Amino acid sequence: MEPTDHVRRGGRRLTASVTDLEVVRQRALLVGVVGRGEVDGETDLAELAALTDTAGSDPVERILVRRDRPSAATYVGPGQLRELVARARHLDVDVVVFDNELSPAQQRNLQAAFECDVVDRVAVILDIFAQHAHTKEGMIQVELAQHRYRLPRLRGRGTELSRLGAGIGTRGPGETKLETDRRRILQRIAKLERELRDAARARATQGRARRRSGLPTVAIVGYTNAGKSTLFNRLTGADVLVEDRLFATVASTIRRLDLRDGFEVLVSDTVGFVRKLPHELVESFRSTLEEVADADLLLHVVDAADPRAEGQIEAVRRVLAEIGAADNPELLVLNKVDAAEATALGRLANLYPEAVAISAATGKGLDDLEAAIRKILDPRTRELELVVPYDRGEVVAELHSVGTVLDQRYEEGGIRVRARVPEAAAERLAAAAQSRSSTP
């Protein structure tokens, strides 16, 4: 066996050998601080473990600390901190991840105590988004969120900002040299905000074009990894990336869905939500999330096989309220019923009797889901039968453009068209056909 040296570089363990350099994932100690009477601490730590794993580090241990109120200096008390530091050194960890959001001062003090990187849940989620953002707008949104998060943490970091990082909190735009001057970072934030406003205007133009089409819009929302992209692909025949990982979808995708008999809707796949979704991300992704707020129907996808399903439903609804979509019509979709326990599924069905049970992976229940979508949105459309003069082909073209033509026949007096069109356009098209037919 060749001789090796174990070294640390940029928060990562590196095993250096004569022939190669093998990168080993960070070892992470997870810490959650909750009140003495709280019962969700272990659940939140389990989710933090999944987030940390997705970010590229290995959770080696979870520790739940109970405390009446956070310490202003280190979040945990002096005695608790000594125990955590001793455990971190015993486990030889590279990073300590707090499930709680840390102030800049708390983060600096904790890093001094642990003598290794200390990050919070916000940094982990931002890191995951940085890995998964591939569109131009998505990258702008993530970089903006990162700078807003890092700006108040510049104080006291000095030359640390110019290191080459490879761990949680160091990946993404500006990872090789984060601007050391506060003024330059503020200038960068201002530039990103301008670019995001330009992207939002382009998105608004596209949205107006979709609204002119008159097709109802359906936004698929839900907790991260609930199966939204799998459902989107199953409904629309798209090939959106599907991974059994958190936040695999960052950018939204829109496709048409034919619900039979000429009834069509526009369906969008959106970013997943999570408990304690960072405010920086909500603000940066607001233009993207506006698509959700403007939707005619929200398909709220729930992982029925997850024991935390009820809490996840409430977490998603809190985010929907934050972006102004709380009053949108919502259809709850209990997904992964093929993997859910019968008792848990029955409980969810009793709690949410209007929900539709499906398996996006197998296709089970999709007919019921499409029927439920149509039942909610069908009143927004109307079936028309018009006779359009031959010299008024623009009316026929518009029927094809804004609706779905079900039948078209050529008769002596003109083109007889049977079409399903949006309710908002029905009266205008009917009047246009009549007025044009009386023109000499």
Protein backbone atom coordinates (compact mmCIF):
# COMPACT_ATOMS: atom_id res chain seq x y z
CA MET A 1 0.00 0.00 0.00
CA GLU A 2 1.33 3.41 -0.93
CA PRO A 3 2.07 5.93 1.82
CA THR A 4 -0.57 8.61 2.37
CA ASP A 5 -0.89 11.87 4.27
CA HIS A 6 -4.21 13.14 5.62
CA VAL A 7 -4.55 16.89 5.34
CA ARG A 8 -7.34 19.47 5.52
CA ARG A 9 -7.85 22.01 2.77
CA GLY A 10 -10.78 24.43 2.46
CA GLY A 11 -12.83 22.56 5.06
CA ARG A 12 -12.44 19.22 3.25
CA ARG A 13 -10.35 16.20 4.20
CA LEU A 14 -7.96 15.30 1.46
CA THR A 15 -6.11 11.99 1.32
CA ALA A 16 -2.92 12.67 -0.57
CA SER A 17 -1.13 9.68 -2.05
CA VAL A 18 1.75 9.28 -4.43
CA THR A 19 -0.54 8.72 -7.41
CA ASP A 20 -3.72 10.65 -6.74
CA LEU A 21 -5.62 13.06 -4.51
CA GLU A 22 -8.85 11.61 -3.17
CA VAL A 23 -11.49 14.06 -1.89
CA VAL A 24 -13.48 12.78 1.10
CA ARG A 25 -16.75 14.39 2.17
CA GLN A 26 -16.80 16.63 5.24
CA ARG A 27 -17.69 15.10 8.58
CA ALA A 28 -20.50 17.15 10.13
CA LEU A 29 -21.82 17.38 13.68
CA LEU A 30 -25.46 18.49 13.72
CA VAL A 31 -26.81 20.55 16.62
CA GLY A 32 -30.41 21.56 17.26
CA VAL A 33 -31.47 23.88 20.07
CA VAL A 34 -35.11 23.73 21.20
CA GLY A 35 -37.20 24.79 24.17
CA ARG A 36 -37.64 22.34 27.01
CA GLY A 37 -41.22 21.54 26.07
CA GLU A 38 -40.82 21.29 22.28
CA VAL A 39 -41.36 17.91 20.62
CA ASP A 40 -40.28 18.49 17.01
CA GLY A 41 -36.55 18.77 17.64
CA GLU A 42 -35.64 15.26 16.51
CA THR A 43 -37.78 15.63 13.39
CA ASP A 44 -36.06 18.89 12.48
CA LEU A 45 -32.62 17.33 13.06
CA ALA A 46 -33.51 14.40 10.81
CA GLU A 47 -34.39 16.86 8.08
CA LEU A 48 -31.17 18.81 8.70
CA ALA A 49 -29.27 15.55 8.25
CA ALA A 50 -30.90 15.09 4.82
CA LEU A 51 -30.08 18.68 3.90
CA THR A 52 -26.46 18.29 5.02
CA ASP A 53 -26.08 15.08 3.05
CA THR A 54 -27.51 16.79 -0.05
CA ALA A 55 -25.05 19.66 0.43
CA GLY A 56 -22.17 17.18 0.28
CA SER A 57 -21.23 16.43 3.89
CA ASP A 58 -21.69 13.35 6.04
CA PRO A 59 -23.65 13.85 9.30
CA VAL A 60 -21.76 11.77 11.88
CA GLU A 61 -23.90 12.61 14.91
CA ARG A 62 -26.98 14.64 15.90
CA ILE A 63 -27.22 16.37 19.27
CA LEU A 64 -30.40 18.00 20.56
CA VAL A 65 -29.86 20.72 23.16
CA ARG A 66 -32.75 21.96 25.30
CA ARG A 67 -32.63 25.51 26.54
CA ASP A 68 -35.21 28.05 27.71
CA ARG A 69 -33.75 30.86 25.59
CA PRO A 70 -30.76 31.23 23.25
CA SER A 71 -27.54 32.75 24.52
CA ALA A 72 -26.78 36.05 22.80
CA ALA A 73 -23.09 35.13 22.53
CA THR A 74 -23.05 31.46 21.51
CA TYR A 75 -26.74 30.40 21.25
CA VAL A 76 -26.04 27.59 23.78
CA GLY A 77 -24.89 27.99 27.36
CA PRO A 78 -21.22 27.81 28.47
CA GLY A 79 -21.52 24.32 29.90
CA GLN A 80 -23.43 23.03 26.88
CA LEU A 81 -20.82 24.60 24.58
CA ARG A 82 -17.95 22.85 26.40
CA GLU A 83 -19.72 19.49 25.99
CA LEU A 84 -20.37 20.14 22.28
CA VAL A 85 -16.77 21.20 21.65
CA ALA A 86 -15.47 18.07 23.39
CA ARG A 87 -17.78 15.89 21.33
CA ALA A 88 -16.79 17.62 18.08
CA ARG A 89 -13.11 17.05 18.79
CA HIS A 90 -13.71 13.42 19.74
CA LEU A 91 -15.55 12.85 16.45
CA ASP A 92 -12.88 14.83 14.54
CA VAL A 93 -15.50 16.78 12.57
CA ASP A 94 -14.81 19.37 9.87
CA VAL A 95 -17.98 21.42 10.30
CA VAL A 96 -20.63 21.97 12.95
CA VAL A 97 -24.11 22.62 11.53
CA PHE A 98 -26.74 24.33 13.69
CA ASP A 99 -30.40 23.83 12.81
CA ASN A 100 -31.05 27.30 14.23
CA GLU A 101 -30.28 30.54 12.43
CA LEU A 102 -27.17 32.07 13.97
CA SER A 103 -26.38 35.76 14.21
CA PRO A 104 -23.03 36.87 12.79
CA ALA A 105 -21.62 37.35 16.31
CA GLN A 106 -22.82 33.91 17.44
CA GLN A 107 -21.28 32.29 14.37
CA ARG A 108 -17.90 33.99 14.96
CA ASN A 109 -17.86 33.03 18.65
CA LEU A 110 -18.80 29.43 17.91
CA GLN A 111 -16.12 29.10 15.25
CA ALA A 112 -13.55 30.35 17.72
CA ALA A 113 -14.72 27.77 20.27
CA PHE A 114 -14.94 24.79 17.91
CA GLU A 115 -11.84 25.78 15.89
CA CYS A 116 -13.58 24.62 12.71
CA ASP A 117 -16.29 25.88 10.38
CA VAL A 118 -19.69 26.54 11.98
CA VAL A 119 -22.70 27.13 9.74
CA ASP A 120 -26.46 27.24 10.19
CA ARG A 121 -29.43 25.79 8.37
CA VAL A 122 -29.69 28.86 6.14
CA ALA A 123 -26.14 28.38 4.85
CA VAL A 124 -26.82 24.72 4.10
CA ILE A 125 -29.94 25.49 2.05
CA LEU A 126 -28.19 28.29 0.18
CA ASP A 127 -25.36 25.87 -0.60
CA ILE A 128 -27.79 23.33 -2.05
CA PHE A 129 -29.44 25.98 -4.22
CA ALA A 130 -26.00 27.06 -5.45
CA GLN A 131 -25.32 23.49 -6.60
CA HIS A 132 -28.65 23.12 -8.40
CA ALA A 133 -29.05 26.54 -10.05
CA HIS A 134 -28.28 26.18 -13.76
CA THR A 135 -30.44 28.79 -15.51
CA LYS A 136 -29.22 32.39 -15.72
CA GLU A 137 -32.09 33.71 -13.60
CA GLY A 138 -31.65 30.93 -11.05
CA MET A 139 -27.96 31.68 -10.66
CA ILE A 140 -28.68 35.38 -10.21
CA GLN A 141 -31.29 34.60 -7.55
CA VAL A 142 -28.98 32.29 -5.64
CA GLU A 143 -25.98 34.61 -5.79
CA LEU A 144 -28.12 37.51 -4.58
CA ALA A 145 -29.40 35.42 -1.65
CA GLN A 146 -25.85 34.36 -0.77
CA HIS A 147 -24.54 37.93 -0.74
CA ARG A 148 -27.46 39.14 1.37
CA TYR A 149 -26.71 36.37 3.85
CA ARG A 150 -22.94 36.90 3.88
CA LEU A 151 -22.87 40.70 3.98
CA PRO A 152 -23.48 41.08 7.75
CA ARG A 153 -20.96 38.27 8.37
CA LEU A 154 -18.02 40.08 6.74
CA ARG A 155 -16.86 41.74 9.93
CA GLY A 156 -13.85 40.07 11.47
CA ARG A 157 -13.32 37.49 8.73
CA GLY A 158 -10.34 39.27 7.18
CA THR A 159 -8.23 37.14 4.84
CA GLU A 160 -10.55 34.18 5.42
CA LEU A 161 -12.69 35.55 2.60
CA SER A 162 -10.01 34.96 -0.01
CA ARG A 163 -9.56 31.25 0.70
CA LEU A 164 -10.44 28.53 -1.77
CA GLY A 165 -13.41 26.81 -0.20
CA ALA A 166 -14.97 23.44 -0.86
CA GLY A 167 -17.42 22.99 2.00
CA ILE A 168 -20.87 24.12 3.02
CA GLY A 169 -21.17 27.89 2.81
CA THR A 170 -18.22 28.35 0.42
CA ARG A 171 -19.68 27.01 -2.83
CA GLY A 172 -21.28 29.08 -5.57
CA PRO A 173 -20.74 32.51 -7.07
CA GLY A 174 -17.74 34.22 -5.58
CA GLU A 175 -16.43 31.01 -3.99
CA THR A 176 -12.75 31.62 -4.87
CA LYS A 177 -12.63 35.23 -3.60
CA LEU A 178 -15.63 36.80 -1.92
CA GLU A 179 -15.26 40.58 -2.12
CA THR A 180 -13.40 41.80 0.94
CA ASP A 181 -14.65 45.33 0.65
CA ARG A 182 -18.21 46.00 1.88
CA ARG A 183 -18.76 48.70 -0.74
CA ARG A 184 -17.95 46.31 -3.58
CA ILE A 185 -20.38 43.71 -2.21
CA LEU A 186 -23.13 46.31 -1.98
CA GLN A 187 -22.41 47.29 -5.58
CA ARG A 188 -22.64 43.63 -6.60
CA ILE A 189 -25.96 43.25 -4.79
CA ALA A 190 -27.30 46.35 -6.57
CA LYS A 191 -26.20 44.96 -9.95
CA LEU A 192 -27.81 41.57 -9.28
CA GLU A 193 -31.04 43.27 -8.20
CA ARG A 194 -31.10 45.20 -11.50
CA GLU A 195 -30.54 41.99 -13.48
CA LEU A 196 -33.26 40.27 -11.51
CA ARG A 197 -35.68 43.12 -12.22
CA ASP A 198 -34.89 42.77 -15.95
CA ALA A 199 -35.52 39.03 -15.73
CA ALA A 200 -38.77 39.69 -13.84
CA ARG A 201 -39.95 42.04 -16.60
CA ALA A 202 -39.22 39.37 -19.22
CA ARG A 203 -41.07 36.82 -17.10
CA ALA A 204 -44.01 39.22 -16.76
CA THR A 205 -44.14 39.64 -20.55
CA GLN A 206 -44.24 35.87 -20.95
CA GLY A 207 -46.95 35.71 -18.28
CA ARG A 208 -49.09 38.25 -20.12
CA ALA A 209 -48.75 36.20 -23.29
CA ARG A 210 -49.89 33.10 -21.43
CA ARG A 211 -52.84 34.97 -19.95
CA ARG A 212 -53.83 36.19 -23.42
CA SER A 213 -53.99 32.57 -24.47
CA GLY A 214 -56.77 32.24 -21.91
CA LEU A 215 -55.62 28.80 -20.75
CA PRO A 216 -56.05 28.17 -17.01
CA THR A 217 -52.76 27.86 -15.13
CA VAL A 218 -51.89 25.14 -12.63
CA ALA A 219 -48.82 25.39 -10.36
CA ILE A 220 -47.43 22.24 -8.75
CA VAL A 221 -46.23 23.14 -5.26
CA GLY A 222 -45.19 21.16 -2.22
CA TYR A 223 -42.47 20.21 0.19
CA THR A 224 -39.10 19.42 -1.31
CA ASN A 225 -38.76 15.82 -2.53
CA ALA A 226 -42.54 15.22 -2.40
CA GLY A 227 -42.54 14.03 -6.03
CA LYS A 228 -43.57 17.24 -7.81
CA SER A 229 -41.26 16.79 -10.81
CA THR A 230 -42.24 13.14 -11.18
CA LEU A 231 -45.90 14.18 -11.27
CA PHE A 232 -45.13 17.00 -13.70
CA ASN A 233 -43.38 14.58 -16.06
CA ARG A 234 -46.18 12.01 -15.75
CA LEU A 235 -48.88 14.59 -16.54
CA THR A 236 -47.17 16.47 -19.36
CA GLY A 237 -44.71 13.99 -20.85
CA ALA A 238 -41.83 16.35 -20.02
CA ASP A 239 -38.36 15.18 -18.99
CA VAL A 240 -37.64 17.44 -16.03
CA LEU A 241 -34.78 16.14 -13.86
CA VAL A 242 -36.03 13.80 -11.14
CA GLU A 243 -33.73 12.87 -8.24
CA ASP A 244 -34.32 11.43 -4.80
CA ARG A 245 -32.61 14.50 -3.38
CA LEU A 246 -33.78 17.70 -1.73
CA PHE A 247 -34.22 20.73 -3.99
CA ALA A 248 -33.50 18.90 -7.25
CA THR A 249 -35.74 21.51 -8.93
CA VAL A 250 -34.72 25.17 -8.66
CA ALA A 251 -36.02 26.70 -11.91
CA SER A 252 -39.67 26.42 -12.93
CA THR A 253 -40.81 24.70 -16.13
CA ILE A 254 -44.15 25.18 -17.94
CA ARG A 255 -45.93 22.72 -20.27
CA ARG A 256 -49.42 22.23 -21.72
CA LEU A 257 -51.66 19.49 -20.38
CA ASP A 258 -54.60 18.12 -22.39
CA LEU A 259 -57.36 16.96 -20.07
CA ARG A 260 -59.32 15.37 -22.96
CA ASP A 261 -62.18 16.77 -25.07
CA GLY A 262 -60.07 19.78 -25.90
CA PHE A 263 -59.72 20.98 -22.33
CA GLU A 264 -56.16 22.27 -21.92
CA VAL A 265 -54.31 23.91 -19.05
CA LEU A 266 -50.78 25.22 -18.49
CA VAL A 267 -48.87 23.36 -15.76
CA SER A 268 -45.72 24.65 -14.04
CA ASP A 269 -43.26 22.72 -11.90
CA THR A 270 -41.85 24.92 -9.13
CA VAL A 271 -39.12 24.93 -6.50
CA GLY A 272 -39.82 22.87 -3.40
CA PHE A 273 -40.46 24.40 -0.02
CA VAL A 274 -39.04 23.42 3.35
CA ARG A 275 -39.39 24.32 7.03
CA LYS A 276 -37.56 27.54 7.90
CA LEU A 277 -37.06 28.43 4.23
CA PRO A 278 -34.48 31.23 4.35
CA HIS A 279 -35.96 34.70 4.02
CA GLU A 280 -33.08 35.58 1.69
CA LEU A 281 -34.24 32.89 -0.75
CA VAL A 282 -37.90 33.88 -0.59
CA GLU A 283 -36.95 37.47 -1.40
CA SER A 284 -34.53 36.53 -4.19
CA PHE A 285 -36.93 34.01 -5.75
CA ARG A 286 -39.97 36.27 -5.41
CA SER A 287 -40.25 36.88 -9.18
CA THR A 288 -40.25 33.11 -9.80
CA LEU A 289 -42.69 32.45 -6.96
CA GLU A 290 -45.07 35.05 -8.39
CA GLU A 291 -46.03 32.39 -10.94
CA VAL A 292 -47.45 30.44 -8.01
CA ALA A 293 -49.37 33.44 -6.72
CA ASP A 294 -50.86 34.06 -10.19
CA ALA A 295 -51.94 30.44 -10.76
CA ASP A 296 -55.63 29.54 -11.12
CA LEU A 297 -55.05 26.32 -9.17
CA LEU A 298 -52.33 25.01 -6.86
CA LEU A 299 -51.62 21.29 -6.92
CA HIS A 300 -50.19 20.83 -3.43
CA VAL A 301 -48.22 17.57 -3.61
CA VAL A 302 -47.62 15.73 -0.33
CA ASP A 303 -45.40 12.73 0.34
CA ALA A 304 -47.99 10.50 1.98
CA ALA A 305 -45.28 8.02 2.95
CA ASP A 306 -43.46 10.59 5.09
CA PRO A 307 -44.44 10.50 8.78
CA ARG A 308 -43.93 14.28 8.88
CA ALA A 309 -46.54 14.91 6.16
CA GLU A 310 -48.89 17.02 8.28
CA GLY A 311 -46.11 19.34 9.39
CA GLN A 312 -44.88 19.64 5.83
CA ILE A 313 -48.35 20.66 4.63
CA GLU A 314 -48.42 23.46 7.18
CA ALA A 315 -44.87 24.54 6.28
CA VAL A 316 -45.82 24.83 2.60
CA ARG A 317 -48.95 26.80 3.44
CA ARG A 318 -46.89 29.23 5.52
CA VAL A 319 -44.64 29.92 2.52
CA LEU A 320 -47.68 30.29 0.26
CA ALA A 321 -49.06 32.89 2.65
CA GLU A 322 -45.72 34.72 2.61
CA ILE A 323 -45.78 35.04 -1.20
CA GLY A 324 -49.46 36.02 -1.38
CA ALA A 325 -50.86 32.71 -2.61
CA ALA A 326 -52.75 31.61 0.51
CA ASP A 327 -56.16 32.33 -1.06
CA ASN A 328 -55.51 30.53 -4.34
CA PRO A 329 -57.68 27.45 -5.00
CA GLU A 330 -55.74 24.43 -3.71
CA LEU A 331 -56.05 20.74 -4.52
CA LEU A 332 -54.16 18.52 -2.10
CA VAL A 333 -52.47 15.55 -3.80
CA LEU A 334 -51.41 12.64 -1.57
CA ASN A 335 -48.50 11.18 -3.53
CA LYS A 336 -46.47 7.96 -3.06
CA VAL A 337 -49.50 5.98 -1.88
CA ASP A 338 -47.75 2.84 -3.15
CA ALA A 339 -45.13 3.34 -0.42
CA ALA A 340 -47.36 4.72 2.36
CA GLU A 341 -48.61 2.66 5.28
CA ALA A 342 -52.36 2.09 5.21
CA THR A 343 -52.88 3.58 8.69
CA ALA A 344 -50.97 6.77 7.86
CA LEU A 345 -52.73 7.10 4.52
CA GLY A 346 -56.13 6.64 6.16
CA ARG A 347 -55.32 9.34 8.71
CA LEU A 348 -54.36 11.81 5.98
CA ALA A 349 -57.48 10.96 3.98
CA ASN A 350 -59.63 11.64 7.06
CA LEU A 351 -57.84 14.93 7.80
CA TYR A 352 -58.03 16.09 4.18
CA PRO A 353 -61.17 14.50 2.65
CA GLU A 354 -60.95 16.57 -0.57
CA ALA A 355 -57.45 15.28 -1.32
CA VAL A 356 -56.72 12.97 -4.27
CA ALA A 357 -54.53 9.91 -3.62
CA ILE A 358 -52.05 9.02 -6.37
CA SER A 359 -48.68 7.49 -7.16
CA ALA A 360 -46.84 9.67 -9.66
CA ALA A 361 -44.24 6.91 -10.06
CA THR A 362 -46.74 4.23 -11.16
CA GLY A 363 -49.53 6.40 -12.56
CA LYS A 364 -52.09 5.16 -10.04
CA GLY A 365 -54.90 7.66 -9.45
CA LEU A 366 -53.87 10.03 -12.27
CA ASP A 367 -57.27 9.76 -13.96
CA ASP A 368 -58.93 10.83 -10.71
CA LEU A 369 -56.48 13.71 -10.40
CA GLU A 370 -57.13 14.96 -13.93
CA ALA A 371 -60.88 14.73 -13.34
CA ALA A 372 -60.52 16.76 -10.13
CA ILE A 373 -58.45 19.42 -11.93
CA ARG A 374 -61.04 19.64 -14.67
CA LYS A 375 -63.93 19.87 -12.20
CA ILE A 376 -62.30 22.88 -10.54
CA LEU A 377 -61.22 24.68 -13.72
CA ASP A 378 -63.93 23.67 -16.21
CA PRO A 379 -66.25 26.58 -15.30
CA ARG A 380 -63.55 28.87 -16.68
CA THR A 381 -64.08 27.56 -20.24
CA ARG A 382 -66.98 27.26 -22.67
CA GLU A 383 -67.69 25.21 -25.77
CA LEU A 384 -68.70 27.28 -28.82
CA GLU A 385 -69.94 26.38 -32.30
CA LEU A 386 -69.54 29.20 -34.82
CA VAL A 387 -69.87 29.63 -38.57
CA VAL A 388 -67.05 31.91 -39.71
CA PRO A 389 -67.09 33.49 -43.22
CA TYR A 390 -64.32 32.30 -45.53
CA ASP A 391 -62.83 35.78 -45.81
CA ARG A 392 -62.46 36.06 -42.01
CA GLY A 393 -59.79 33.45 -41.42
CA GLU A 394 -58.29 35.47 -38.54
CA VAL A 395 -61.26 34.46 -36.38
CA VAL A 396 -60.56 30.78 -37.03
CA ALA A 397 -56.87 31.40 -36.32
CA GLU A 398 -57.73 32.98 -33.00
CA LEU A 399 -59.96 30.06 -32.07
CA HIS A 400 -56.97 27.79 -32.66
CA SER A 401 -54.70 30.17 -30.73
CA VAL A 402 -56.70 30.82 -27.56
CA GLY A 403 -58.69 27.58 -27.36
CA THR A 404 -58.87 24.04 -28.65
CA VAL A 405 -60.68 23.29 -31.91
CA LEU A 406 -62.75 20.12 -31.50
CA ASP A 407 -64.24 19.97 -35.00
CA GLN A 408 -63.90 22.02 -38.20
CA ARG A 409 -66.03 21.60 -41.35
CA TYR A 410 -66.32 23.59 -44.56
CA GLU A 411 -69.87 24.53 -45.54
CA GLU A 412 -71.50 26.78 -48.11
CA GLY A 413 -71.82 29.73 -45.72
CA GLY A 414 -68.39 29.47 -44.16
CA ILE A 415 -66.26 27.37 -41.82
CA ARG A 416 -68.20 25.68 -39.04
CA VAL A 417 -65.93 25.46 -35.99
CA ARG A 418 -66.64 23.77 -32.69
CA ALA A 419 -64.10 24.82 -30.08
CA ARG A 420 -63.51 25.03 -26.36
CA VAL A 421 -62.35 28.52 -25.41
CA PRO A 422 -61.72 30.45 -22.21
CA GLU A 423 -64.84 31.94 -20.68
CA ALA A 424 -63.24 35.40 -20.83
CA ALA A 425 -62.86 35.16 -24.63
CA ALA A 426 -66.11 33.35 -25.50
CA GLU A 427 -68.44 36.36 -25.82
CA ARG A 428 -65.91 38.36 -27.82
CA LEU A 429 -65.30 35.54 -30.31
CA ALA A 430 -69.01 34.85 -30.72
CA ALA A 431 -69.68 38.53 -31.36
CA ALA A 432 -66.76 38.74 -33.79
CA ALA A 433 -68.07 35.83 -35.83
CA GLN A 434 -71.56 37.32 -36.02
CA SER A 435 -70.43 40.83 -36.88
CA ARG A 436 -68.09 39.61 -39.57
CA SER A 437 -70.65 37.30 -41.09
CA SER A 438 -72.94 40.32 -41.74
CA THR A 439 -70.18 42.23 -43.56
CA PRO A 440 -70.78 42.39 -47.34
